[in-house]
Amino acid sequence: MAVPRIRPAPSFDGDVQPPSDDVELYHRTYTTLLRSSGEMWLRVLEPAHRAMGSSLHGLAASDDLDLGALIYACRRLPGDVYTARRIVLGQEAVQFARAGMRIVDWELREAPARRRRWFADGAGTLAVLLASGSDLDDLVPTLVAYQLEWNKLHRRLVAAGHVDADAAACAEALGGTEDDWERLLEALGATLEEVRDASLDLRIRMLGGSAVGYARITRRWWTPVRQMLAELGVADRPLYLVSSNTHSLANLVSGVPRTHEDEVVRWIVRAGPQDLRDELERFREGRARGSWENFLYYAARSALEPRGAEERSAGVTHLSSETALRVSAQIIPLERLRPELFDSRLGDVDRGALASAPGVIVNIEYPLGLAAYNILREITTASDTLRGVYVLGKAATLNAAVGDVMLSSVIFDEHSRSTYWLDNAFSVDDITPYLVFGSGLDNQRAVTVKSTFLQNREYLDLYYREAFTVVEMEAGPFCNAVYEIADVDRHPSGEAVNFAKLPIDLGIIHYASDTPYTQARTLGARGLSYYGMDSTYASTIAIARRILSLEGAVAA
C-alpha cells in the first residue's frame, strides 16, 4: 500500500514571523562564538542575555535579585558548579580524550532537574556531554543566568555583611519572599558565606559538534533497547512509542504501588511530609476530591524502593541509558501484562484479546528538544513496525492554568520553521473523565521553542496574536520525524504541512506547568505537588486506553 503524500495545509490568517530580534541575536551570538576552538569568558554573553529580556529571567538587566531564575538555574546545574573555573562541552568522551581530558576517570556529577552527564576533574574543570543541539540552547543561557544572579547575590551579601542562612532573615535583608529563599537555600549547593566570599567568572569551551555525532549517540542509545526487544522475542512486533515519564504507565499496568498500599500509607504516617499526611486524613474522612490511586502513586515515589524485578514479572522491563542521551526506556509487551493488576480506570479488559495482542509499547523518558527527532528517526530507520507515536509532556500555557491538559491540532516548529496541522488522536472526551483539578482544552496551537530561556514578552505576544497558546520543546521535532515516515523527502523547512492522513497513529498531549504571562515562576523553580498527578495520570490513562483499544483489548 502506497504511503500517502502529505498535502499542503491551509495558511494562517497572518504570517508567523521570526521570533524577537533580541532572542535571535542572543542565539546567534553564542552559537558563533562557540565555534572557536579556544575558551571564551561567559561574561561576553551577559549583555545579549540581558538585552533579550527573557520571560524566565525578567530581572536579568536589573540590580534586583531574580530568585526564580536562580532557583531554576541551580536545579539544572551540578551543585558545585560555582567551584569551577571553566566548563567544557562536547558530544562524546573521545572528543575530550583528544583534547587531553580523560573524563572517564573524573568524578561524576548530577543536576537535580536535567538528565545530563557531568564530570569534574577536581581542579576547576567541569565537562558535560551534550545529546543534541537543544542541550546547547538549554545549557548556555542557564549558565549565564546562574552567573549573573550569583554575582548579584554576591554583591548584596558583601554590602549586607553577615546574613543568617535562614529564609526569613534573607528575605528581610536581601529582598524576596521567604518561600523563594527556602527553595533557593535548598537548591544553591553553596553556603551564603561561599557566595559572599567569591564572585563567579566562568570560562566556556565547545569541543566541536555535528549532526552525525548526535546521530551516533542516538544509535548507541537505541542499540540496547533493540537488543532487549530481541531477547524478549518482540523485535518484529507492532510498536507503539510513548514519550512520557518512567512512572505513570508502569504504575497503571504493573499495580506495584497498589500492591504495597499498606507500606506506602505507613510511610506517609511515619515519615511523609505534612501536606501528604493532611491529604491522607482527608481521604480517611471522605473529604478528599482527588484520586486515591494518584495519591498512592505520588507517595510511592518516596515510600518504595525501586522494584524492577516486581515490575518485570508484571510485564514492564526498564532500561537505563549509559550514553550521553540520558533517556530511560521501558519495554512493555502487551501479551505479558496481567490485567488483574491494572488500574481500574483502564476499563474492562478482554483477557483473551490482551493475551494474544502482538503490540509492544516502548516508553521513553521525554527527551529534550531535537533529541526527540533523533530518537524517532533512529527507531523508524531500524524498524518498519511503528503503529503509533504518543507524546505526553510539560508546556507553558498563555491562556490556561497550571495543571490543565492541552491538546493541539497545530504545531509550529522553530527549528524547521514548518507548521504541522494534525488530526490529534486524542480529544477532551479521552481526558476529562479522569481529570479532577484541571480542565481539558483541545483545538489548541503549540509552538516548539529552542529553549525555555529563549523567549521574551514580545516573542510570546507575537505567537499569542496568531492564537498559539502552548509553548513547549518536543512536539515539533517529533513531527519532523513523523513527516519522514510518511514522505520520501526529508522534513520541510518553512512549509505548512497537513497531517490529516498518516500511516501511523499520532497523539500529542501537554499539561500546563508554567504561566509566563501571569507569573515569573515555573515548575523548574517550584515543582508540582501531588495535585499535579491529576493531569499526568488523566493523560497517561488516555494513552494506555488508546493503545489497548487499537489492539482490541478494551472498548474504544
Protein backbone atom coordinates (compact mmCIF):
# COMPACT_ATOMS: atom_id res chain seq x y z
CA MET A 1 0.00 0.00 0.00
CA ALA A 2 1.44 3.35 -1.06
CA VAL A 3 2.23 5.88 1.62
CA PRO A 4 0.00 8.95 1.06
CA ARG A 5 1.82 12.15 0.20
CA ILE A 6 1.39 14.87 2.77
CA ARG A 7 -0.70 17.67 1.35
CA PRO A 8 -0.27 21.45 1.83
CA ALA A 9 -2.07 22.82 4.86
CA PRO A 10 -4.27 25.90 4.86
CA SER A 11 -2.45 29.14 5.56
CA PHE A 12 -2.80 31.25 8.69
CA ASP A 13 -4.77 34.46 8.79
CA GLY A 14 -1.41 36.15 9.30
CA ASP A 15 2.19 35.17 8.82
CA VAL A 16 4.21 33.55 11.59
CA GLN A 17 7.21 35.88 11.74
CA PRO A 18 10.65 35.05 13.17
CA PRO A 19 10.91 35.50 16.93
CA SER A 20 12.22 38.61 18.66
CA ASP A 21 15.37 40.10 17.14
CA ASP A 22 16.96 40.17 20.60
CA VAL A 23 16.30 36.45 21.07
CA GLU A 24 17.73 35.65 17.64
CA LEU A 25 20.75 37.88 18.31
CA TYR A 26 21.49 36.09 21.57
CA HIS A 27 21.18 32.67 19.93
CA ARG A 28 23.42 33.73 17.05
CA THR A 29 25.96 35.24 19.45
CA TYR A 30 26.68 32.13 21.50
CA THR A 31 26.45 29.67 18.60
CA THR A 32 29.00 31.62 16.54
CA LEU A 33 31.34 32.32 19.46
CA LEU A 34 31.38 28.67 20.49
CA ARG A 35 32.66 27.68 17.06
CA SER A 36 36.06 28.84 18.28
CA SER A 37 38.43 26.05 19.30
CA GLY A 38 39.54 28.00 22.34
CA GLU A 39 37.92 29.13 25.58
CA MET A 40 35.79 32.24 25.99
CA TRP A 41 34.64 34.15 29.04
CA LEU A 42 30.99 33.51 29.83
CA ARG A 43 30.60 37.18 30.73
CA VAL A 44 30.88 38.00 27.00
CA LEU A 45 27.35 36.66 26.62
CA GLU A 46 25.87 38.65 29.51
CA PRO A 47 24.94 41.81 27.51
CA ALA A 48 23.00 39.79 24.91
CA HIS A 49 21.35 37.76 27.68
CA ARG A 50 20.23 40.91 29.48
CA ALA A 51 19.03 42.58 26.28
CA MET A 52 16.91 39.57 25.38
CA GLY A 53 14.57 40.25 28.34
CA SER A 54 13.81 36.55 28.82
CA SER A 55 10.40 35.84 30.32
CA LEU A 56 12.14 33.26 32.50
CA HIS A 57 14.73 35.81 33.65
CA GLY A 58 12.79 39.03 33.79
CA LEU A 59 15.21 40.80 36.15
CA ALA A 60 18.38 39.92 34.24
CA ALA A 61 19.07 43.57 33.39
CA SER A 62 18.17 44.80 36.88
CA ASP A 63 20.24 45.02 40.05
CA ASP A 64 17.37 43.29 41.84
CA LEU A 65 17.73 39.60 42.58
CA ASP A 66 15.75 37.24 40.35
CA LEU A 67 15.36 34.37 42.79
CA GLY A 68 13.08 32.39 40.48
CA ALA A 69 15.67 32.39 37.67
CA LEU A 70 18.45 31.48 40.08
CA ILE A 71 16.46 28.57 41.54
CA TYR A 72 15.66 27.38 38.04
CA ALA A 73 19.33 27.50 37.03
CA CYS A 74 20.56 25.85 40.22
CA ARG A 75 18.29 22.87 39.68
CA ARG A 76 19.68 22.37 36.16
CA LEU A 77 23.35 22.51 37.10
CA PRO A 78 25.55 20.44 39.44
CA GLY A 79 25.51 21.74 42.99
CA ASP A 80 29.24 22.56 42.96
CA VAL A 81 29.33 24.37 39.61
CA TYR A 82 30.38 27.53 41.49
CA THR A 83 33.74 25.88 42.30
CA ALA A 84 34.60 25.51 38.61
CA ARG A 85 36.73 27.91 36.59
CA ARG A 86 35.75 26.51 33.20
CA ILE A 87 33.00 24.44 31.61
CA VAL A 88 33.85 22.24 28.62
CA LEU A 89 31.06 20.98 26.36
CA GLY A 90 31.28 18.04 23.97
CA GLN A 91 29.37 15.18 22.38
CA GLU A 92 31.50 12.14 23.18
CA ALA A 93 34.18 11.08 25.67
CA VAL A 94 36.62 10.53 22.81
CA GLN A 95 36.46 14.24 21.95
CA PHE A 96 37.55 15.11 25.47
CA ALA A 97 40.32 12.50 25.38
CA ARG A 98 41.70 14.02 22.17
CA ALA A 99 41.75 17.37 23.97
CA GLY A 100 43.72 15.85 26.84
CA MET A 101 40.77 15.33 29.22
CA ARG A 102 40.08 11.72 30.25
CA ILE A 103 36.62 12.37 31.64
CA VAL A 104 36.05 8.64 32.13
CA ASP A 105 38.47 8.92 35.07
CA TRP A 106 36.81 12.04 36.52
CA GLU A 107 34.15 12.21 39.21
CA LEU A 108 30.53 12.06 38.08
CA ARG A 109 28.24 14.99 38.84
CA GLU A 110 24.43 15.27 38.66
CA ALA A 111 21.90 18.07 38.31
CA PRO A 112 18.51 17.59 40.02
CA ALA A 113 16.31 18.65 37.09
CA ARG A 114 18.29 17.90 33.91
CA ARG A 115 19.44 14.44 32.85
CA ARG A 116 22.98 15.19 31.65
CA ARG A 117 26.33 13.54 32.29
CA TRP A 118 28.68 15.91 34.10
CA PHE A 119 32.28 15.16 35.12
CA ALA A 120 34.64 17.05 37.44
CA ASP A 121 38.43 16.80 37.43
CA GLY A 122 38.71 18.20 40.96
CA ALA A 123 40.92 21.04 39.73
CA GLY A 124 38.37 23.53 38.44
CA THR A 125 37.13 21.95 35.21
CA LEU A 126 33.63 20.62 34.64
CA ALA A 127 32.86 18.64 31.49
CA VAL A 128 29.36 17.94 30.18
CA LEU A 129 28.13 15.66 27.41
CA LEU A 130 25.54 17.09 25.02
CA ALA A 131 22.96 14.76 23.44
CA SER A 132 21.55 17.17 20.84
CA GLY A 133 21.69 20.78 19.69
CA SER A 134 18.88 21.55 22.13
CA ASP A 135 21.22 20.78 25.03
CA LEU A 136 23.40 23.67 23.91
CA ASP A 137 20.42 26.03 23.67
CA ASP A 138 19.31 24.94 27.12
CA LEU A 139 22.66 24.91 28.89
CA VAL A 140 24.35 28.12 27.77
CA PRO A 141 21.54 30.54 28.84
CA THR A 142 21.23 28.58 32.09
CA LEU A 143 24.92 29.10 32.85
CA VAL A 144 24.71 32.81 32.00
CA ALA A 145 21.64 33.26 34.21
CA TYR A 146 23.38 31.41 37.03
CA GLN A 147 26.49 33.59 36.84
CA LEU A 148 24.50 36.82 36.62
CA GLU A 149 22.34 36.04 39.63
CA TRP A 150 25.20 34.55 41.67
CA ASN A 151 27.18 37.76 41.26
CA LYS A 152 24.16 39.91 42.16
CA LEU A 153 23.75 37.87 45.33
CA HIS A 154 27.48 38.10 45.99
CA ARG A 155 27.34 41.92 45.84
CA ARG A 156 24.25 42.04 48.07
CA LEU A 157 25.92 39.84 50.70
CA VAL A 158 29.12 41.88 50.66
CA ALA A 159 27.10 45.05 51.22
CA ALA A 160 24.93 43.50 53.94
CA GLY A 161 27.73 41.85 55.89
CA HIS A 162 26.68 38.77 57.83
CA VAL A 163 23.25 37.32 57.00
CA ASP A 164 21.90 34.26 58.77
CA ALA A 165 21.18 31.30 56.48
CA ASP A 166 17.51 31.50 57.38
CA ALA A 167 14.75 32.19 54.87
CA ALA A 168 13.13 34.91 56.96
CA ALA A 169 16.45 36.65 57.64
CA CYS A 170 17.42 36.51 53.97
CA ALA A 171 14.08 37.89 52.85
CA GLU A 172 14.36 40.79 55.29
CA ALA A 173 17.99 41.62 54.50
CA LEU A 174 18.16 40.86 50.78
CA GLY A 175 14.60 41.07 49.47
CA GLY A 176 12.31 38.42 48.02
CA THR A 177 9.89 36.10 49.76
CA GLU A 178 10.57 33.54 52.47
CA ASP A 179 9.17 30.82 50.22
CA ASP A 180 11.68 31.63 47.46
CA TRP A 181 14.55 31.77 49.92
CA GLU A 182 13.65 28.39 51.36
CA ARG A 183 13.82 26.91 47.88
CA LEU A 184 17.00 28.73 46.96
CA LEU A 185 18.86 27.74 50.12
CA GLU A 186 17.92 24.14 49.38
CA ALA A 187 18.95 24.30 45.70
CA LEU A 188 22.01 26.58 45.84
CA GLY A 189 24.64 23.97 46.70
CA ALA A 190 26.75 26.62 48.43
CA THR A 191 26.60 28.45 51.74
CA LEU A 192 25.87 32.16 51.88
CA GLU A 193 29.42 32.68 53.13
CA GLU A 194 30.77 30.99 49.99
CA VAL A 195 28.63 33.24 47.80
CA ARG A 196 29.76 36.34 49.72
CA ASP A 197 33.45 35.39 49.52
CA ALA A 198 33.69 34.76 45.77
CA SER A 199 32.27 36.23 42.59
CA LEU A 200 31.85 33.99 39.56
CA ASP A 201 33.71 34.42 36.27
CA LEU A 202 33.41 31.18 34.29
CA ARG A 203 35.08 30.30 31.02
CA ILE A 204 33.38 28.04 28.49
CA ARG A 205 34.62 25.90 25.60
CA MET A 206 32.90 23.77 22.97
CA LEU A 207 34.76 20.75 21.56
CA GLY A 208 33.05 20.85 18.20
CA GLY A 209 29.78 19.14 17.39
CA SER A 210 27.97 17.71 14.39
CA ALA A 211 24.64 16.24 13.35
CA VAL A 212 26.45 12.98 12.60
CA GLY A 213 27.83 12.95 16.14
CA TYR A 214 24.37 13.32 17.63
CA ALA A 215 23.08 10.56 15.34
CA ARG A 216 25.91 8.31 16.53
CA ILE A 217 24.99 8.98 20.17
CA THR A 218 21.35 8.16 19.43
CA ARG A 219 22.27 4.89 17.73
CA ARG A 220 24.32 3.84 20.74
CA TRP A 221 21.32 4.70 22.94
CA TRP A 222 18.90 2.62 20.81
CA THR A 223 21.17 -0.46 20.47
CA PRO A 224 20.50 -1.96 23.95
CA VAL A 225 16.77 -1.23 23.61
CA ARG A 226 16.70 -3.06 20.29
CA GLN A 227 18.69 -5.93 21.81
CA MET A 228 16.22 -6.22 24.69
CA LEU A 229 13.32 -6.29 22.23
CA ALA A 230 15.07 -9.21 20.52
CA GLU A 231 15.72 -11.01 23.83
CA LEU A 232 12.04 -10.70 24.70
CA GLY A 233 11.10 -12.05 21.27
CA VAL A 234 9.15 -8.93 20.25
CA ALA A 235 11.56 -7.15 17.90
CA ASP A 236 9.30 -7.56 14.87
CA ARG A 237 6.03 -6.79 16.65
CA PRO A 238 3.83 -3.70 16.07
CA LEU A 239 5.47 -0.91 18.03
CA TYR A 240 3.84 1.95 19.95
CA LEU A 241 6.26 4.69 21.00
CA VAL A 242 5.26 6.72 24.05
CA SER A 243 7.27 9.73 25.23
CA SER A 244 6.32 10.49 28.83
CA ASN A 245 7.89 9.60 32.17
CA THR A 246 9.07 6.42 33.87
CA HIS A 247 6.36 6.07 36.48
CA SER A 248 2.84 6.61 35.15
CA LEU A 249 2.47 3.83 32.56
CA ALA A 250 4.33 1.38 34.80
CA ASN A 251 2.10 2.19 37.77
CA LEU A 252 -1.09 1.83 35.72
CA VAL A 253 -0.28 -1.63 34.37
CA SER A 254 2.03 -3.20 36.98
CA GLY A 255 0.00 -2.45 40.11
CA VAL A 256 3.15 -2.19 42.25
CA PRO A 257 2.11 0.83 44.40
CA ARG A 258 -1.39 -0.58 44.89
CA THR A 259 0.05 -3.97 45.85
CA HIS A 260 2.09 -2.22 48.56
CA GLU A 261 -0.64 0.18 49.66
CA ASP A 262 -0.22 -0.56 53.38
CA GLU A 263 3.52 0.05 53.17
CA VAL A 264 3.00 3.38 51.40
CA VAL A 265 0.40 4.52 53.95
CA ARG A 266 2.70 3.58 56.85
CA TRP A 267 5.47 5.66 55.31
CA ILE A 268 3.16 8.67 54.95
CA VAL A 269 2.14 8.46 58.61
CA ARG A 270 5.67 7.86 59.85
CA ALA A 271 7.87 10.00 57.60
CA GLY A 272 5.77 11.69 54.92
CA PRO A 273 5.65 15.48 54.53
CA GLN A 274 2.87 17.33 56.29
CA ASP A 275 0.88 18.02 53.12
CA LEU A 276 0.65 14.28 52.37
CA ARG A 277 -0.33 13.48 55.95
CA ASP A 278 -3.06 16.12 55.75
CA GLU A 279 -4.33 14.73 52.46
CA LEU A 280 -4.32 11.20 53.87
CA GLU A 281 -6.51 12.44 56.70
CA ARG A 282 -8.89 13.99 54.20
CA PHE A 283 -9.13 10.68 52.34
CA ARG A 284 -9.89 8.86 55.58
CA GLU A 285 -12.61 11.35 56.42
CA GLY A 286 -14.09 11.29 52.92
CA ARG A 287 -13.24 14.95 52.25
CA ALA A 288 -10.59 14.48 49.53
CA ARG A 289 -11.53 15.41 45.96
CA GLY A 290 -8.69 13.67 44.17
CA SER A 291 -7.99 10.10 43.13
CA TRP A 292 -6.77 7.68 45.80
CA GLU A 293 -4.71 5.88 43.15
CA ASN A 294 -2.97 9.11 42.08
CA PHE A 295 -2.25 9.93 45.72
CA LEU A 296 -0.80 6.47 46.22
CA TYR A 297 1.34 6.72 43.08
CA TYR A 298 2.74 10.07 44.16
CA ALA A 299 3.66 8.90 47.67
CA ALA A 300 5.12 5.62 46.36
CA ARG A 301 7.93 7.50 44.61
CA SER A 302 9.41 8.24 48.04
CA ALA A 303 7.90 5.41 50.08
CA LEU A 304 9.00 2.44 47.96
CA GLU A 305 12.44 1.40 46.82
CA PRO A 306 12.78 0.67 43.08
CA ARG A 307 11.10 -2.66 42.39
CA GLY A 308 12.41 -3.59 38.97
CA ALA A 309 12.00 -7.35 39.45
CA GLU A 310 8.39 -6.93 40.51
CA GLU A 311 7.65 -4.71 37.52
CA ARG A 312 9.36 -7.18 35.17
CA SER A 313 7.17 -10.01 36.46
CA ALA A 314 4.19 -7.80 35.63
CA GLY A 315 5.42 -7.21 32.07
CA VAL A 316 7.44 -3.97 32.33
CA THR A 317 11.18 -4.08 31.59
CA HIS A 318 13.16 -0.95 32.46
CA LEU A 319 16.41 0.07 30.73
CA SER A 320 18.62 2.90 31.93
CA SER A 321 20.82 4.77 29.47
CA GLU A 322 24.61 4.64 29.67
CA THR A 323 25.15 7.18 26.89
CA ALA A 324 25.17 10.97 26.69
CA LEU A 325 21.49 10.67 25.74
CA ARG A 326 20.16 10.08 29.25
CA VAL A 327 16.72 8.84 28.29
CA SER A 328 15.48 5.76 30.12
CA ALA A 329 13.25 3.30 28.27
CA GLN A 330 10.60 0.78 29.24
CA ILE A 331 9.56 -2.17 27.10
CA ILE A 332 6.01 -3.39 27.66
CA PRO A 333 4.83 -6.34 25.50
CA LEU A 334 1.04 -6.22 25.82
CA GLU A 335 0.66 -10.01 25.81
CA ARG A 336 2.75 -10.25 29.01
CA LEU A 337 0.63 -7.86 31.04
CA ARG A 338 -1.60 -9.13 33.84
CA PRO A 339 -4.99 -7.39 33.70
CA GLU A 340 -5.76 -8.21 37.34
CA LEU A 341 -3.01 -5.70 38.24
CA PHE A 342 -4.38 -2.89 36.05
CA ASP A 343 -5.65 0.40 37.40
CA SER A 344 -9.45 0.17 37.24
CA ARG A 345 -9.60 3.37 35.16
CA LEU A 346 -8.18 1.47 32.19
CA GLY A 347 -11.62 -0.12 31.84
CA ASP A 348 -12.86 -3.65 31.22
CA VAL A 349 -10.06 -5.62 29.60
CA ASP A 350 -10.70 -8.52 27.24
CA ARG A 351 -8.22 -11.00 28.73
CA GLY A 352 -8.15 -13.21 25.66
CA ALA A 353 -7.53 -10.31 23.32
CA LEU A 354 -4.80 -8.95 25.59
CA ALA A 355 -3.09 -12.35 25.83
CA SER A 356 -2.91 -12.55 22.03
CA ALA A 357 -2.15 -8.86 21.38
CA PRO A 358 1.02 -8.59 19.27
CA GLY A 359 1.76 -4.96 20.12
CA VAL A 360 4.63 -3.75 22.30
CA ILE A 361 4.97 -0.34 23.97
CA VAL A 362 8.35 1.36 24.13
CA ASN A 363 8.02 4.17 26.64
CA ILE A 364 10.88 6.70 26.70
CA GLU A 365 11.56 9.33 29.34
CA TYR A 366 10.74 12.52 27.46
CA PRO A 367 13.81 13.67 25.51
CA LEU A 368 14.78 17.32 25.28
CA GLY A 369 14.09 19.17 22.04
CA LEU A 370 15.97 17.90 18.99
CA ALA A 371 16.81 14.61 20.73
CA ALA A 372 13.15 13.71 20.07
CA TYR A 373 13.74 13.92 16.31
CA ASN A 374 16.94 11.89 16.55
CA ILE A 375 15.29 9.16 18.60
CA LEU A 376 12.19 8.72 16.46
CA ARG A 377 14.22 8.81 13.26
CA GLU A 378 16.61 6.15 14.62
CA ILE A 379 13.73 3.91 15.71
CA THR A 380 11.99 4.13 12.36
CA THR A 381 15.26 3.62 10.49
CA ALA A 382 15.87 0.40 12.43
CA SER A 383 12.29 -0.91 12.19
CA ASP A 384 9.22 -0.53 9.98
CA THR A 385 6.67 -1.79 12.50
CA LEU A 386 5.77 1.53 14.15
CA ARG A 387 1.99 1.82 14.63
CA GLY A 388 1.66 4.85 16.89
CA VAL A 389 3.51 7.78 18.46
CA TYR A 390 2.11 9.40 21.61
CA VAL A 391 3.77 12.41 23.21
CA LEU A 392 3.00 13.50 26.77
CA GLY A 393 4.96 16.48 28.03
CA LYS A 394 5.02 19.67 30.05
CA ALA A 395 4.41 23.05 28.45
CA ALA A 396 3.94 26.70 29.24
CA THR A 397 0.44 27.99 28.60
CA LEU A 398 -0.54 31.50 27.57
CA ASN A 399 -4.26 31.12 28.26
CA ALA A 400 -4.82 28.30 30.77
CA ALA A 401 -3.84 27.41 34.33
CA VAL A 402 -1.14 25.16 35.77
CA GLY A 403 -2.42 21.57 35.70
CA ASP A 404 -4.72 22.00 32.68
CA VAL A 405 -4.36 19.47 29.86
CA MET A 406 -3.93 20.87 26.35
CA LEU A 407 -4.44 19.03 23.06
CA SER A 408 -3.03 20.76 20.00
CA SER A 409 -4.15 20.45 16.40
CA VAL A 410 -1.44 22.79 15.06
CA ILE A 411 2.30 22.60 15.82
CA PHE A 412 4.74 25.30 14.72
CA ASP A 413 8.37 24.20 14.99
CA GLU A 414 11.04 26.89 15.40
CA HIS A 415 13.81 24.50 14.34
CA SER A 416 12.39 23.77 10.88
CA ARG A 417 10.09 26.83 10.68
CA SER A 418 7.39 24.42 9.48
CA THR A 419 3.79 24.27 10.67
CA TYR A 420 2.05 20.92 11.10
CA TRP A 421 -1.73 20.55 11.04
CA LEU A 422 -2.65 17.25 12.63
CA ASP A 423 -5.63 15.11 13.44
CA ASN A 424 -4.71 14.56 17.09
CA ALA A 425 -5.53 11.03 18.26
CA PHE A 426 -6.94 12.49 21.49
CA SER A 427 -9.81 14.80 22.36
CA VAL A 428 -11.07 16.20 25.65
CA ASP A 429 -13.51 13.28 25.86
CA ASP A 430 -10.50 11.00 26.34
CA ILE A 431 -9.12 13.12 29.19
CA THR A 432 -11.91 14.73 31.20
CA PRO A 433 -13.38 11.55 32.78
CA TYR A 434 -10.13 11.21 34.74
CA LEU A 435 -9.41 14.91 35.37
CA VAL A 436 -10.50 16.39 38.70
CA PHE A 437 -8.48 19.55 39.41
CA GLY A 438 -7.74 20.88 35.93
CA SER A 439 -9.51 21.47 32.64
CA GLY A 440 -9.11 19.74 29.30
CA LEU A 441 -8.58 22.02 26.29
CA ASP A 442 -8.44 20.73 22.73
CA ASN A 443 -8.02 22.50 19.37
CA GLN A 444 -5.03 24.42 20.73
CA ARG A 445 -1.99 25.63 18.79
CA ALA A 446 1.51 24.82 20.06
CA VAL A 447 4.87 26.37 19.27
CA THR A 448 8.04 24.34 19.77
CA VAL A 449 10.76 26.68 21.03
CA LYS A 450 14.51 26.18 21.14
CA SER A 451 14.91 26.78 24.86
CA THR A 452 12.97 27.80 27.94
CA PHE A 453 15.15 30.92 28.27
CA LEU A 454 14.96 31.93 24.59
CA GLN A 455 11.66 33.76 24.76
CA ASN A 456 10.51 37.17 25.96
CA ARG A 457 7.27 39.15 26.23
CA GLU A 458 7.48 40.44 22.66
CA TYR A 459 8.14 36.92 21.48
CA LEU A 460 5.17 35.47 23.40
CA ASP A 461 2.90 38.31 22.21
CA LEU A 462 3.81 37.52 18.62
CA TYR A 463 2.70 33.91 18.95
CA TYR A 464 -0.37 34.73 21.02
CA ARG A 465 -1.59 37.05 18.27
CA GLU A 466 -1.54 34.01 15.98
CA ALA A 467 -3.52 32.02 18.61
CA PHE A 468 -0.56 29.88 19.69
CA THR A 469 -1.22 29.16 23.35
CA VAL A 470 1.07 26.19 24.13
CA VAL A 471 4.85 26.71 24.39
CA GLU A 472 6.95 23.54 24.58
CA MET A 473 10.10 21.84 23.25
CA GLU A 474 9.48 18.38 21.74
CA ALA A 475 6.36 18.22 19.54
CA GLY A 476 7.96 19.93 16.54
CA PRO A 477 10.98 17.59 16.33
CA PHE A 478 8.66 14.59 16.70
CA CYS A 479 6.52 15.95 13.84
CA ASN A 480 9.62 16.45 11.69
CA ALA A 481 10.48 12.77 12.16
CA VAL A 482 6.88 11.68 11.52
CA TYR A 483 6.99 13.55 8.20
CA GLU A 484 9.93 11.42 7.13
CA ILE A 485 7.97 8.26 7.97
CA ALA A 486 5.19 9.31 5.62
CA ASP A 487 7.05 11.01 2.75
CA VAL A 488 10.05 10.30 0.56
CA ASP A 489 11.67 13.67 1.32
CA ARG A 490 13.43 14.99 4.38
CA HIS A 491 11.18 17.10 6.59
CA PRO A 492 10.49 20.51 5.02
CA SER A 493 11.69 23.93 6.09
CA GLY A 494 9.27 26.83 6.34
CA GLU A 495 6.27 24.99 4.97
CA ALA A 496 2.72 24.23 6.09
CA VAL A 497 2.06 20.50 6.25
CA ASN A 498 -1.22 18.63 6.55
CA PHE A 499 -1.02 15.52 8.75
CA ALA A 500 -4.64 14.55 8.18
CA LYS A 501 -3.60 11.22 6.64
CA LEU A 502 -0.70 9.36 8.18
CA PRO A 503 0.44 5.74 8.13
CA ILE A 504 0.69 5.82 11.94
CA ASP A 505 -1.49 6.97 14.85
CA LEU A 506 -0.27 10.30 16.29
CA GLY A 507 -1.33 11.87 19.57
CA ILE A 508 0.18 14.87 21.38
CA ILE A 509 -0.81 15.91 24.91
CA HIS A 510 0.68 18.63 27.11
CA TYR A 511 -0.10 19.59 30.67
CA ALA A 512 0.46 23.17 31.75
CA SER A 513 3.47 23.67 34.01
CA ASP A 514 4.12 27.40 33.51
CA THR A 515 2.04 30.53 33.05
CA PRO A 516 4.63 33.06 31.79
CA TYR A 517 2.01 35.73 31.04
CA THR A 518 0.86 35.93 34.64
CA GLN A 519 3.81 34.97 36.83
CA ALA A 520 7.59 34.69 36.66
CA ARG A 521 7.64 31.24 38.23
CA THR A 522 7.85 27.83 36.68
CA LEU A 523 7.83 24.20 37.71
CA GLY A 524 11.58 24.39 37.32
CA ALA A 525 11.60 26.58 40.42
CA ARG A 526 8.59 25.23 42.28
CA GLY A 527 7.52 21.77 41.11
CA LEU A 528 4.10 20.19 41.03
CA SER A 529 2.59 18.82 44.22
CA TYR A 530 0.52 15.65 44.43
CA TYR A 531 -2.25 17.52 42.62
CA GLY A 532 -0.04 17.53 39.52
CA MET A 533 -0.61 13.77 39.27
CA ASP A 534 -4.16 14.59 38.19
CA SER A 535 -3.20 15.83 34.72
CA THR A 536 -0.34 13.35 34.34
CA TYR A 537 -2.46 10.28 35.01
CA ALA A 538 -5.54 11.52 33.14
CA SER A 539 -3.29 11.84 30.09
CA THR A 540 -1.49 8.54 30.62
CA ILE A 541 -4.79 6.69 31.03
CA ALA A 542 -5.94 8.14 27.69
CA ILE A 543 -2.73 6.94 26.01
CA ALA A 544 -2.93 3.45 27.53
CA ARG A 545 -6.59 3.08 26.61
CA ARG A 546 -5.85 4.23 23.05
CA ILE A 547 -3.19 1.56 22.59
CA LEU A 548 -5.30 -1.17 24.21
CA SER A 549 -8.27 -0.27 22.02
CA LEU A 550 -6.17 -0.37 18.84
CA GLU A 551 -5.10 -3.86 19.91
CA GLY A 552 -8.71 -4.85 20.57
CA ALA A 553 -8.19 -5.36 24.30
CA VAL A 554 -10.62 -2.67 25.55
CA ALA A 555 -13.61 -0.92 24.04
CA ALA A 556 -12.76 2.34 22.26
